[in-house]
Amino acid sequence: RELGFPSMEAVGFQGLVGPAGMPKDVVDKLSAELAKVLANPELKAK
């Protein structure tokens, strides 16, 4: 954007996915534990 090409803006994402139809309790557990892992300052630094 600074260089005059704002339409080139883009970010890449990464995440954890599974097949469709996973039990909500399993999804919630995986999501909660992943969030705790990602909150670790050392992992963020990596």
All heavy atoms as atom14 arrays in JSON, in Angstrom:
{
  "sequence": "RELGFPSMEAVGFQGLVGPAGMPKDVVDKLSAELAKVLANPELKAK",
  "atom14_mask": [
    [1, 1, 1, 1, 1, 1, 1, 1, 1, 1, 1, 0, 0, 0],
    [1, 1, 1, 1, 1, 1, 1, 1, 1, 0, 0, 0, 0, 0],
    [1, 1, 1, 1, 1, 1, 1, 1, 0, 0, 0, 0, 0, 0],
    [1, 1, 1, 1, 0, 0, 0, 0, 0, 0, 0, 0, 0, 0],
    [1, 1, 1, 1, 1, 1, 1, 1, 1, 1, 1, 0, 0, 0],
    [1, 1, 1, 1, 1, 1, 1, 0, 0, 0, 0, 0, 0, 0],
    [1, 1, 1, 1, 1, 1, 0, 0, 0, 0, 0, 0, 0, 0],
    [1, 1, 1, 1, 1, 1, 1, 1, 0, 0, 0, 0, 0, 0],
    [1, 1, 1, 1, 1, 1, 1, 1, 1, 0, 0, 0, 0, 0],
    [1, 1, 1, 1, 1, 0, 0, 0, 0, 0, 0, 0, 0, 0],
    [1, 1, 1, 1, 1, 1, 1, 0, 0, 0, 0, 0, 0, 0],
    [1, 1, 1, 1, 0, 0, 0, 0, 0, 0, 0, 0, 0, 0],
    [1, 1, 1, 1, 1, 1, 1, 1, 1, 1, 1, 0, 0, 0],
    [1, 1, 1, 1, 1, 1, 1, 1, 1, 0, 0, 0, 0, 0],
    [1, 1, 1, 1, 0, 0, 0, 0, 0, 0, 0, 0, 0, 0],
    [1, 1, 1, 1, 1, 1, 1, 1, 0, 0, 0, 0, 0, 0],
    [1, 1, 1, 1, 1, 1, 1, 0, 0, 0, 0, 0, 0, 0],
    [1, 1, 1, 1, 0, 0, 0, 0, 0, 0, 0, 0, 0, 0],
    [1, 1, 1, 1, 1, 1, 1, 0, 0, 0, 0, 0, 0, 0],
    [1, 1, 1, 1, 1, 0, 0, 0, 0, 0, 0, 0, 0, 0],
    [1, 1, 1, 1, 0, 0, 0, 0, 0, 0, 0, 0, 0, 0],
    [1, 1, 1, 1, 1, 1, 1, 1, 0, 0, 0, 0, 0, 0],
    [1, 1, 1, 1, 1, 1, 1, 0, 0, 0, 0, 0, 0, 0],
    [1, 1, 1, 1, 1, 1, 1, 1, 1, 0, 0, 0, 0, 0],
    [1, 1, 1, 1, 1, 1, 1, 1, 0, 0, 0, 0, 0, 0],
    [1, 1, 1, 1, 1, 1, 1, 0, 0, 0, 0, 0, 0, 0],
    [1, 1, 1, 1, 1, 1, 1, 0, 0, 0, 0, 0, 0, 0],
    [1, 1, 1, 1, 1, 1, 1, 1, 0, 0, 0, 0, 0, 0],
    [1, 1, 1, 1, 1, 1, 1, 1, 1, 0, 0, 0, 0, 0],
    [1, 1, 1, 1, 1, 1, 1, 1, 0, 0, 0, 0, 0, 0],
    [1, 1, 1, 1, 1, 1, 0, 0, 0, 0, 0, 0, 0, 0],
    [1, 1, 1, 1, 1, 0, 0, 0, 0, 0, 0, 0, 0, 0],
    [1, 1, 1, 1, 1, 1, 1, 1, 1, 0, 0, 0, 0, 0],
    [1, 1, 1, 1, 1, 1, 1, 1, 0, 0, 0, 0, 0, 0],
    [1, 1, 1, 1, 1, 0, 0, 0, 0, 0, 0, 0, 0, 0],
    [1, 1, 1, 1, 1, 1, 1, 1, 1, 0, 0, 0, 0, 0],
    [1, 1, 1, 1, 1, 1, 1, 0, 0, 0, 0, 0, 0, 0],
    [1, 1, 1, 1, 1, 1, 1, 1, 0, 0, 0, 0, 0, 0],
    [1, 1, 1, 1, 1, 0, 0, 0, 0, 0, 0, 0, 0, 0],
    [1, 1, 1, 1, 1, 1, 1, 1, 0, 0, 0, 0, 0, 0],
    [1, 1, 1, 1, 1, 1, 1, 0, 0, 0, 0, 0, 0, 0],
    [1, 1, 1, 1, 1, 1, 1, 1, 1, 0, 0, 0, 0, 0],
    [1, 1, 1, 1, 1, 1, 1, 1, 0, 0, 0, 0, 0, 0],
    [1, 1, 1, 1, 1, 1, 1, 1, 1, 0, 0, 0, 0, 0],
    [1, 1, 1, 1, 1, 0, 0, 0, 0, 0, 0, 0, 0, 0],
    [1, 1, 1, 1, 1, 1, 1, 1, 1, 0, 0, 0, 0, 0]
  ],
  "atom14_positions": [
    [[0.84, -1.2, 0.0], [0.0, 0.0, 0.0], [0.87, 1.25, 0.0], [0.59, 2.22, -0.72], [-0.94, -0.01, 1.21], [-1.88, 1.2, 1.26], [-2.89, 1.07, 2.39], [-3.88, 0.04, 2.1], [-4.98, 0.25, 1.4], [-5.25, 1.46, 0.89], [-5.84, -0.73, 1.19], [0.0, 0.0, 0.0], [0.0, 0.0, 0.0], [0.0, 0.0, 0.0]],
    [[1.92, 1.25, 0.8], [2.83, 2.39, 0.84], [3.45, 2.65, -0.52], [3.75, 3.8, -0.88], [3.95, 2.15, 1.86], [3.52, 2.21, 3.31], [4.68, 1.89, 4.24], [4.9, 0.7, 4.55], [5.38, 2.85, 4.65], [0.0, 0.0, 0.0], [0.0, 0.0, 0.0], [0.0, 0.0, 0.0], [0.0, 0.0, 0.0], [0.0, 0.0, 0.0]],
    [[3.67, 1.6, -1.28], [4.32, 1.71, -2.59], [3.34, 1.97, -3.73], [3.74, 2.03, -4.9], [5.13, 0.45, -2.87], [6.34, 0.23, -1.94], [6.92, -1.16, -2.12], [7.4, 1.29, -2.2], [0.0, 0.0, 0.0], [0.0, 0.0, 0.0], [0.0, 0.0, 0.0], [0.0, 0.0, 0.0], [0.0, 0.0, 0.0], [0.0, 0.0, 0.0]],
    [[2.05, 2.11, -3.39], [1.07, 2.46, -4.41], [0.32, 1.31, -5.03], [-0.32, 1.47, -6.07], [0.0, 0.0, 0.0], [0.0, 0.0, 0.0], [0.0, 0.0, 0.0], [0.0, 0.0, 0.0], [0.0, 0.0, 0.0], [0.0, 0.0, 0.0], [0.0, 0.0, 0.0], [0.0, 0.0, 0.0], [0.0, 0.0, 0.0], [0.0, 0.0, 0.0]],
    [[0.38, 0.12, -4.39], [-0.33, -1.05, -4.92], [-1.26, -1.64, -3.85], [-1.1, -2.8, -3.44], [0.68, -2.11, -5.38], [1.72, -1.61, -6.33], [3.04, -1.5, -5.95], [1.36, -1.21, -7.62], [4.0, -1.03, -6.82], [2.32, -0.74, -8.5], [3.65, -0.64, -8.11], [0.0, 0.0, 0.0], [0.0, 0.0, 0.0], [0.0, 0.0, 0.0]],
    [[-2.26, -0.89, -3.41], [-3.13, -1.37, -2.33], [-3.91, -2.64, -2.65], [-4.22, -3.43, -1.76], [-4.08, -0.19, -2.08], [-4.07, 0.59, -3.36], [-2.67, 0.45, -3.89], [0.0, 0.0, 0.0], [0.0, 0.0, 0.0], [0.0, 0.0, 0.0], [0.0, 0.0, 0.0], [0.0, 0.0, 0.0], [0.0, 0.0, 0.0], [0.0, 0.0, 0.0]],
    [[-4.2, -2.86, -3.94], [-4.97, -4.06, -4.3], [-4.12, -5.33, -4.23], [-4.64, -6.43, -4.41], [-5.57, -3.92, -5.7], [-4.57, -3.72, -6.67], [0.0, 0.0, 0.0], [0.0, 0.0, 0.0], [0.0, 0.0, 0.0], [0.0, 0.0, 0.0], [0.0, 0.0, 0.0], [0.0, 0.0, 0.0], [0.0, 0.0, 0.0], [0.0, 0.0, 0.0]],
    [[-2.84, -5.19, -3.94], [-1.98, -6.36, -3.75], [-1.98, -6.85, -2.29], [-1.33, -7.85, -1.98], [-0.53, -6.05, -4.16], [-0.24, -6.22, -5.63], [1.54, -6.01, -5.98], [2.22, -7.45, -5.13], [0.0, 0.0, 0.0], [0.0, 0.0, 0.0], [0.0, 0.0, 0.0], [0.0, 0.0, 0.0], [0.0, 0.0, 0.0], [0.0, 0.0, 0.0]],
    [[-2.68, -6.16, -1.43], [-2.7, -6.56, -0.02], [-3.26, -7.98, 0.13], [-4.29, -8.32, -0.46], [-3.53, -5.6, 0.82], [-2.77, -4.35, 1.23], [-3.49, -3.56, 2.32], [-4.61, -3.95, 2.72], [-2.92, -2.55, 2.77], [0.0, 0.0, 0.0], [0.0, 0.0, 0.0], [0.0, 0.0, 0.0], [0.0, 0.0, 0.0], [0.0, 0.0, 0.0]],
    [[-2.58, -8.79, 0.91], [-3.02, -10.17, 1.14], [-2.31, -10.71, 2.37], [-1.19, -10.32, 2.68], [-2.7, -11.04, -0.06], [0.0, 0.0, 0.0], [0.0, 0.0, 0.0], [0.0, 0.0, 0.0], [0.0, 0.0, 0.0], [0.0, 0.0, 0.0], [0.0, 0.0, 0.0], [0.0, 0.0, 0.0], [0.0, 0.0, 0.0], [0.0, 0.0, 0.0]],
    [[-2.99, -11.59, 3.08], [-2.37, -12.31, 4.19], [-2.67, -13.79, 4.02], [-3.71, -14.17, 3.48], [-2.89, -11.83, 5.58], [-2.46, -10.4, 5.85], [-4.4, -11.97, 5.69], [0.0, 0.0, 0.0], [0.0, 0.0, 0.0], [0.0, 0.0, 0.0], [0.0, 0.0, 0.0], [0.0, 0.0, 0.0], [0.0, 0.0, 0.0], [0.0, 0.0, 0.0]],
    [[-1.75, -14.6, 4.46], [-1.96, -16.04, 4.41], [-2.43, -16.54, 5.77], [-2.09, -15.95, 6.8], [0.0, 0.0, 0.0], [0.0, 0.0, 0.0], [0.0, 0.0, 0.0], [0.0, 0.0, 0.0], [0.0, 0.0, 0.0], [0.0, 0.0, 0.0], [0.0, 0.0, 0.0], [0.0, 0.0, 0.0], [0.0, 0.0, 0.0], [0.0, 0.0, 0.0]],
    [[-3.23, -17.59, 5.78], [-3.68, -18.14, 7.06], [-3.27, -19.6, 7.18], [-3.08, -20.31, 6.2], [-5.19, -17.99, 7.23], [-6.04, -18.87, 6.35], [-6.33, -20.18, 6.7], [-6.59, -18.38, 5.17], [-7.11, -21.0, 5.91], [-7.38, -19.18, 4.35], [-7.65, -20.5, 4.73], [0.0, 0.0, 0.0], [0.0, 0.0, 0.0], [0.0, 0.0, 0.0]],
    [[-3.17, -20.02, 8.43], [-2.92, -21.42, 8.76], [-3.85, -21.77, 9.92], [-4.13, -20.93, 10.78], [-1.47, -21.65, 9.17], [-0.48, -21.35, 8.06], [0.96, -21.4, 8.55], [1.23, -21.29, 9.73], [1.89, -21.57, 7.62], [0.0, 0.0, 0.0], [0.0, 0.0, 0.0], [0.0, 0.0, 0.0], [0.0, 0.0, 0.0], [0.0, 0.0, 0.0]],
    [[-4.33, -23.0, 9.93], [-5.23, -23.39, 11.01], [-5.47, -24.89, 11.03], [-5.03, -25.62, 10.13], [0.0, 0.0, 0.0], [0.0, 0.0, 0.0], [0.0, 0.0, 0.0], [0.0, 0.0, 0.0], [0.0, 0.0, 0.0], [0.0, 0.0, 0.0], [0.0, 0.0, 0.0], [0.0, 0.0, 0.0], [0.0, 0.0, 0.0], [0.0, 0.0, 0.0]],
    [[-6.16, -25.31, 12.04], [-6.45, -26.73, 12.23], [-7.87, -27.02, 11.75], [-8.82, -26.35, 12.16], [-6.32, -27.08, 13.72], [-6.14, -28.54, 14.1], [-4.86, -29.1, 13.5], [-6.11, -28.68, 15.63], [0.0, 0.0, 0.0], [0.0, 0.0, 0.0], [0.0, 0.0, 0.0], [0.0, 0.0, 0.0], [0.0, 0.0, 0.0], [0.0, 0.0, 0.0]],
    [[-8.0, -28.01, 10.87], [-9.31, -28.39, 10.36], [-9.47, -29.91, 10.43], [-8.5, -30.65, 10.52], [-9.54, -27.92, 8.9], [-9.41, -26.42, 8.78], [-8.59, -28.62, 7.95], [0.0, 0.0, 0.0], [0.0, 0.0, 0.0], [0.0, 0.0, 0.0], [0.0, 0.0, 0.0], [0.0, 0.0, 0.0], [0.0, 0.0, 0.0], [0.0, 0.0, 0.0]],
    [[-10.73, -30.34, 10.37], [-11.06, -31.75, 10.34], [-12.14, -31.99, 9.31], [-12.61, -31.05, 8.65], [0.0, 0.0, 0.0], [0.0, 0.0, 0.0], [0.0, 0.0, 0.0], [0.0, 0.0, 0.0], [0.0, 0.0, 0.0], [0.0, 0.0, 0.0], [0.0, 0.0, 0.0], [0.0, 0.0, 0.0], [0.0, 0.0, 0.0], [0.0, 0.0, 0.0]],
    [[-12.57, -33.24, 9.15], [-13.67, -33.52, 8.21], [-14.97, -32.89, 8.71], [-15.13, -32.59, 9.9], [-13.77, -35.05, 8.24], [-12.52, -35.53, 8.91], [-12.08, -34.45, 9.83], [0.0, 0.0, 0.0], [0.0, 0.0, 0.0], [0.0, 0.0, 0.0], [0.0, 0.0, 0.0], [0.0, 0.0, 0.0], [0.0, 0.0, 0.0], [0.0, 0.0, 0.0]],
    [[-15.91, -32.7, 7.81], [-17.22, -32.18, 8.2], [-17.92, -33.18, 9.14], [-17.72, -34.39, 9.02], [-18.08, -31.95, 6.96], [0.0, 0.0, 0.0], [0.0, 0.0, 0.0], [0.0, 0.0, 0.0], [0.0, 0.0, 0.0], [0.0, 0.0, 0.0], [0.0, 0.0, 0.0], [0.0, 0.0, 0.0], [0.0, 0.0, 0.0], [0.0, 0.0, 0.0]],
    [[-18.71, -32.65, 10.05], [-19.51, -33.51, 10.92], [-18.85, -33.97, 12.19], [-19.33, -34.9, 12.85], [0.0, 0.0, 0.0], [0.0, 0.0, 0.0], [0.0, 0.0, 0.0], [0.0, 0.0, 0.0], [0.0, 0.0, 0.0], [0.0, 0.0, 0.0], [0.0, 0.0, 0.0], [0.0, 0.0, 0.0], [0.0, 0.0, 0.0], [0.0, 0.0, 0.0]],
    [[-17.76, -33.34, 12.6], [-17.12, -33.73, 13.86], [-18.0, -33.38, 15.05], [-18.69, -32.36, 15.03], [-15.76, -33.02, 14.0], [-14.67, -33.56, 13.1], [-13.12, -32.6, 13.23], [-12.75, -32.81, 14.99], [0.0, 0.0, 0.0], [0.0, 0.0, 0.0], [0.0, 0.0, 0.0], [0.0, 0.0, 0.0], [0.0, 0.0, 0.0], [0.0, 0.0, 0.0]],
    [[-18.0, -34.21, 16.1], [-18.81, -33.91, 17.3], [-18.39, -32.58, 17.91], [-17.19, -32.27, 17.99], [-18.48, -35.07, 18.24], [-17.99, -36.16, 17.36], [-17.29, -35.49, 16.23], [0.0, 0.0, 0.0], [0.0, 0.0, 0.0], [0.0, 0.0, 0.0], [0.0, 0.0, 0.0], [0.0, 0.0, 0.0], [0.0, 0.0, 0.0], [0.0, 0.0, 0.0]],
    [[-19.36, -31.79, 18.33], [-19.08, -30.46, 18.86], [-18.15, -30.52, 20.07], [-17.27, -29.67, 20.23], [-20.39, -29.76, 19.23], [-20.19, -28.32, 19.71], [-21.51, -27.65, 20.01], [-21.31, -26.18, 20.37], [-20.43, -25.96, 21.54], [0.0, 0.0, 0.0], [0.0, 0.0, 0.0], [0.0, 0.0, 0.0], [0.0, 0.0, 0.0], [0.0, 0.0, 0.0]],
    [[-18.34, -31.52, 20.92], [-17.5, -31.61, 22.12], [-16.04, -31.84, 21.76], [-15.13, -31.32, 22.41], [-18.0, -32.73, 23.03], [-19.32, -32.4, 23.69], [-20.33, -32.33, 22.96], [-19.34, -32.19, 24.91], [0.0, 0.0, 0.0], [0.0, 0.0, 0.0], [0.0, 0.0, 0.0], [0.0, 0.0, 0.0], [0.0, 0.0, 0.0], [0.0, 0.0, 0.0]],
    [[-15.79, -32.62, 20.71], [-14.42, -32.88, 20.27], [-13.83, -31.6, 19.68], [-12.68, -31.23, 19.97], [-14.39, -34.02, 19.23], [-13.0, -34.14, 18.61], [-14.78, -35.34, 19.9], [0.0, 0.0, 0.0], [0.0, 0.0, 0.0], [0.0, 0.0, 0.0], [0.0, 0.0, 0.0], [0.0, 0.0, 0.0], [0.0, 0.0, 0.0], [0.0, 0.0, 0.0]],
    [[-14.62, -30.91, 18.87], [-14.17, -29.65, 18.27], [-13.85, -28.64, 19.36], [-12.81, -27.97, 19.33], [-15.24, -29.08, 17.31], [-14.82, -27.7, 16.81], [-15.45, -30.02, 16.14], [0.0, 0.0, 0.0], [0.0, 0.0, 0.0], [0.0, 0.0, 0.0], [0.0, 0.0, 0.0], [0.0, 0.0, 0.0], [0.0, 0.0, 0.0], [0.0, 0.0, 0.0]],
    [[-14.75, -28.52, 20.34], [-14.54, -27.56, 21.41], [-13.29, -27.88, 22.23], [-12.54, -26.97, 22.62], [-15.76, -27.53, 22.34], [-16.98, -26.88, 21.69], [-16.81, -26.22, 20.64], [-18.09, -27.05, 22.21], [0.0, 0.0, 0.0], [0.0, 0.0, 0.0], [0.0, 0.0, 0.0], [0.0, 0.0, 0.0], [0.0, 0.0, 0.0], [0.0, 0.0, 0.0]],
    [[-13.04, -29.15, 22.47], [-11.86, -29.53, 23.24], [-10.59, -29.21, 22.46], [-9.64, -28.62, 22.99], [-11.89, -31.02, 23.59], [-10.68, -31.44, 24.43], [-10.85, -32.82, 25.03], [-9.69, -33.15, 25.96], [-9.84, -34.46, 26.63], [0.0, 0.0, 0.0], [0.0, 0.0, 0.0], [0.0, 0.0, 0.0], [0.0, 0.0, 0.0], [0.0, 0.0, 0.0]],
    [[-10.56, -29.59, 21.19], [-9.4, -29.3, 20.35], [-9.16, -27.79, 20.25], [-8.02, -27.32, 20.37], [-9.59, -29.88, 18.95], [-9.37, -31.38, 18.79], [-9.89, -31.85, 17.44], [-7.88, -31.72, 18.91], [0.0, 0.0, 0.0], [0.0, 0.0, 0.0], [0.0, 0.0, 0.0], [0.0, 0.0, 0.0], [0.0, 0.0, 0.0], [0.0, 0.0, 0.0]],
    [[-10.23, -27.04, 20.04], [-10.11, -25.59, 19.9], [-9.59, -24.95, 21.18], [-8.71, -24.08, 21.14], [-11.48, -24.99, 19.53], [-11.41, -23.59, 19.44], [0.0, 0.0, 0.0], [0.0, 0.0, 0.0], [0.0, 0.0, 0.0], [0.0, 0.0, 0.0], [0.0, 0.0, 0.0], [0.0, 0.0, 0.0], [0.0, 0.0, 0.0], [0.0, 0.0, 0.0]],
    [[-10.12, -25.39, 22.32], [-9.71, -24.82, 23.61], [-8.24, -25.12, 23.9], [-7.49, -24.24, 24.34], [-10.59, -25.37, 24.72], [0.0, 0.0, 0.0], [0.0, 0.0, 0.0], [0.0, 0.0, 0.0], [0.0, 0.0, 0.0], [0.0, 0.0, 0.0], [0.0, 0.0, 0.0], [0.0, 0.0, 0.0], [0.0, 0.0, 0.0], [0.0, 0.0, 0.0]],
    [[-7.82, -26.36, 23.66], [-6.43, -26.72, 23.94], [-5.48, -26.03, 22.96], [-4.37, -25.61, 23.34], [-6.24, -28.24, 23.87], [-7.01, -29.01, 24.93], [-6.62, -28.63, 26.35], [-5.51, -28.1, 26.56], [-7.44, -28.85, 27.26], [0.0, 0.0, 0.0], [0.0, 0.0, 0.0], [0.0, 0.0, 0.0], [0.0, 0.0, 0.0], [0.0, 0.0, 0.0]],
    [[-5.9, -25.88, 21.7], [-5.08, -25.17, 20.73], [-4.9, -23.71, 21.14], [-3.8, -23.16, 21.05], [-5.71, -25.25, 19.34], [-4.99, -24.51, 18.2], [-3.59, -25.1, 17.98], [-5.8, -24.56, 16.91], [0.0, 0.0, 0.0], [0.0, 0.0, 0.0], [0.0, 0.0, 0.0], [0.0, 0.0, 0.0], [0.0, 0.0, 0.0], [0.0, 0.0, 0.0]],
    [[-5.99, -23.1, 21.61], [-5.92, -21.7, 22.04], [-4.94, -21.53, 23.2], [-4.18, -20.55, 23.26], [-7.3, -21.2, 22.43], [0.0, 0.0, 0.0], [0.0, 0.0, 0.0], [0.0, 0.0, 0.0], [0.0, 0.0, 0.0], [0.0, 0.0, 0.0], [0.0, 0.0, 0.0], [0.0, 0.0, 0.0], [0.0, 0.0, 0.0], [0.0, 0.0, 0.0]],
    [[-4.94, -22.47, 24.13], [-4.0, -22.41, 25.26], [-2.56, -22.53, 24.78], [-1.67, -21.82, 25.25], [-4.31, -23.54, 26.26], [-5.62, -23.38, 27.01], [-5.87, -24.6, 27.89], [-7.25, -24.56, 28.5], [-7.55, -25.81, 29.28], [0.0, 0.0, 0.0], [0.0, 0.0, 0.0], [0.0, 0.0, 0.0], [0.0, 0.0, 0.0], [0.0, 0.0, 0.0]],
    [[-2.33, -23.43, 23.84], [-0.99, -23.61, 23.28], [-0.52, -22.33, 22.6], [0.63, -21.88, 22.77], [-0.98, -24.79, 22.28], [0.26, -24.76, 21.4], [-1.1, -26.12, 23.02], [0.0, 0.0, 0.0], [0.0, 0.0, 0.0], [0.0, 0.0, 0.0], [0.0, 0.0, 0.0], [0.0, 0.0, 0.0], [0.0, 0.0, 0.0], [0.0, 0.0, 0.0]],
    [[-1.4, -21.71, 21.83], [-1.04, -20.51, 21.07], [-0.84, -19.29, 21.95], [-0.24, -18.29, 21.53], [-2.11, -20.22, 20.01], [-2.27, -21.27, 18.92], [-3.44, -20.91, 18.0], [-0.99, -21.42, 18.1], [0.0, 0.0, 0.0], [0.0, 0.0, 0.0], [0.0, 0.0, 0.0], [0.0, 0.0, 0.0], [0.0, 0.0, 0.0], [0.0, 0.0, 0.0]],
    [[-1.32, -19.35, 23.18], [-1.16, -18.22, 24.11], [0.23, -18.2, 24.74], [0.61, -17.21, 25.38], [-2.23, -18.28, 25.2], [0.0, 0.0, 0.0], [0.0, 0.0, 0.0], [0.0, 0.0, 0.0], [0.0, 0.0, 0.0], [0.0, 0.0, 0.0], [0.0, 0.0, 0.0], [0.0, 0.0, 0.0], [0.0, 0.0, 0.0], [0.0, 0.0, 0.0]],
    [[1.0, -19.26, 24.55], [2.33, -19.35, 25.14], [3.27, -18.32, 24.48], [3.44, -18.34, 23.26], [2.88, -20.76, 24.93], [4.21, -20.97, 25.62], [5.18, -20.28, 25.34], [4.27, -21.96, 26.5], [0.0, 0.0, 0.0], [0.0, 0.0, 0.0], [0.0, 0.0, 0.0], [0.0, 0.0, 0.0], [0.0, 0.0, 0.0], [0.0, 0.0, 0.0]],
    [[3.89, -17.42, 25.26], [4.77, -16.38, 24.69], [5.94, -16.95, 23.88], [6.34, -16.36, 22.87], [5.27, -15.63, 25.93], [4.24, -15.88, 26.98], [3.74, -17.27, 26.72], [0.0, 0.0, 0.0], [0.0, 0.0, 0.0], [0.0, 0.0, 0.0], [0.0, 0.0, 0.0], [0.0, 0.0, 0.0], [0.0, 0.0, 0.0], [0.0, 0.0, 0.0]],
    [[6.49, -18.08, 24.31], [7.62, -18.66, 23.59], [7.19, -19.16, 22.21], [7.93, -19.0, 21.23], [8.23, -19.82, 24.4], [8.93, -19.38, 25.67], [9.56, -20.54, 26.41], [9.57, -21.67, 25.87], [10.04, -20.32, 27.53], [0.0, 0.0, 0.0], [0.0, 0.0, 0.0], [0.0, 0.0, 0.0], [0.0, 0.0, 0.0], [0.0, 0.0, 0.0]],
    [[6.01, -19.75, 22.14], [5.51, -20.21, 20.85], [5.21, -19.02, 19.93], [5.52, -19.05, 18.74], [4.27, -21.08, 21.05], [3.74, -21.74, 19.76], [3.33, -23.18, 20.04], [2.54, -20.97, 19.22], [0.0, 0.0, 0.0], [0.0, 0.0, 0.0], [0.0, 0.0, 0.0], [0.0, 0.0, 0.0], [0.0, 0.0, 0.0], [0.0, 0.0, 0.0]],
    [[4.63, -17.96, 20.51], [4.37, -16.75, 19.72], [5.66, -16.2, 19.14], [5.71, -15.75, 17.99], [3.68, -15.69, 20.58], [2.22, -15.98, 20.89], [1.61, -14.82, 21.64], [0.12, -15.03, 21.88], [-0.51, -13.88, 22.57], [0.0, 0.0, 0.0], [0.0, 0.0, 0.0], [0.0, 0.0, 0.0], [0.0, 0.0, 0.0], [0.0, 0.0, 0.0]],
    [[6.72, -16.24, 19.96], [8.02, -15.72, 19.5], [8.57, -16.54, 18.35], [9.18, -16.0, 17.43], [9.0, -15.71, 20.67], [0.0, 0.0, 0.0], [0.0, 0.0, 0.0], [0.0, 0.0, 0.0], [0.0, 0.0, 0.0], [0.0, 0.0, 0.0], [0.0, 0.0, 0.0], [0.0, 0.0, 0.0], [0.0, 0.0, 0.0], [0.0, 0.0, 0.0]],
    [[8.35, -17.87, 18.39], [8.81, -18.73, 17.3], [8.14, -18.34, 15.99], [8.79, -18.24, 14.94], [8.51, -20.2, 17.61], [9.46, -20.84, 18.61], [9.12, -22.32, 18.77], [10.03, -22.98, 19.78], [9.7, -24.43, 19.95], [0.0, 0.0, 0.0], [0.0, 0.0, 0.0], [0.0, 0.0, 0.0], [0.0, 0.0, 0.0], [0.0, 0.0, 0.0]]
  ]
}
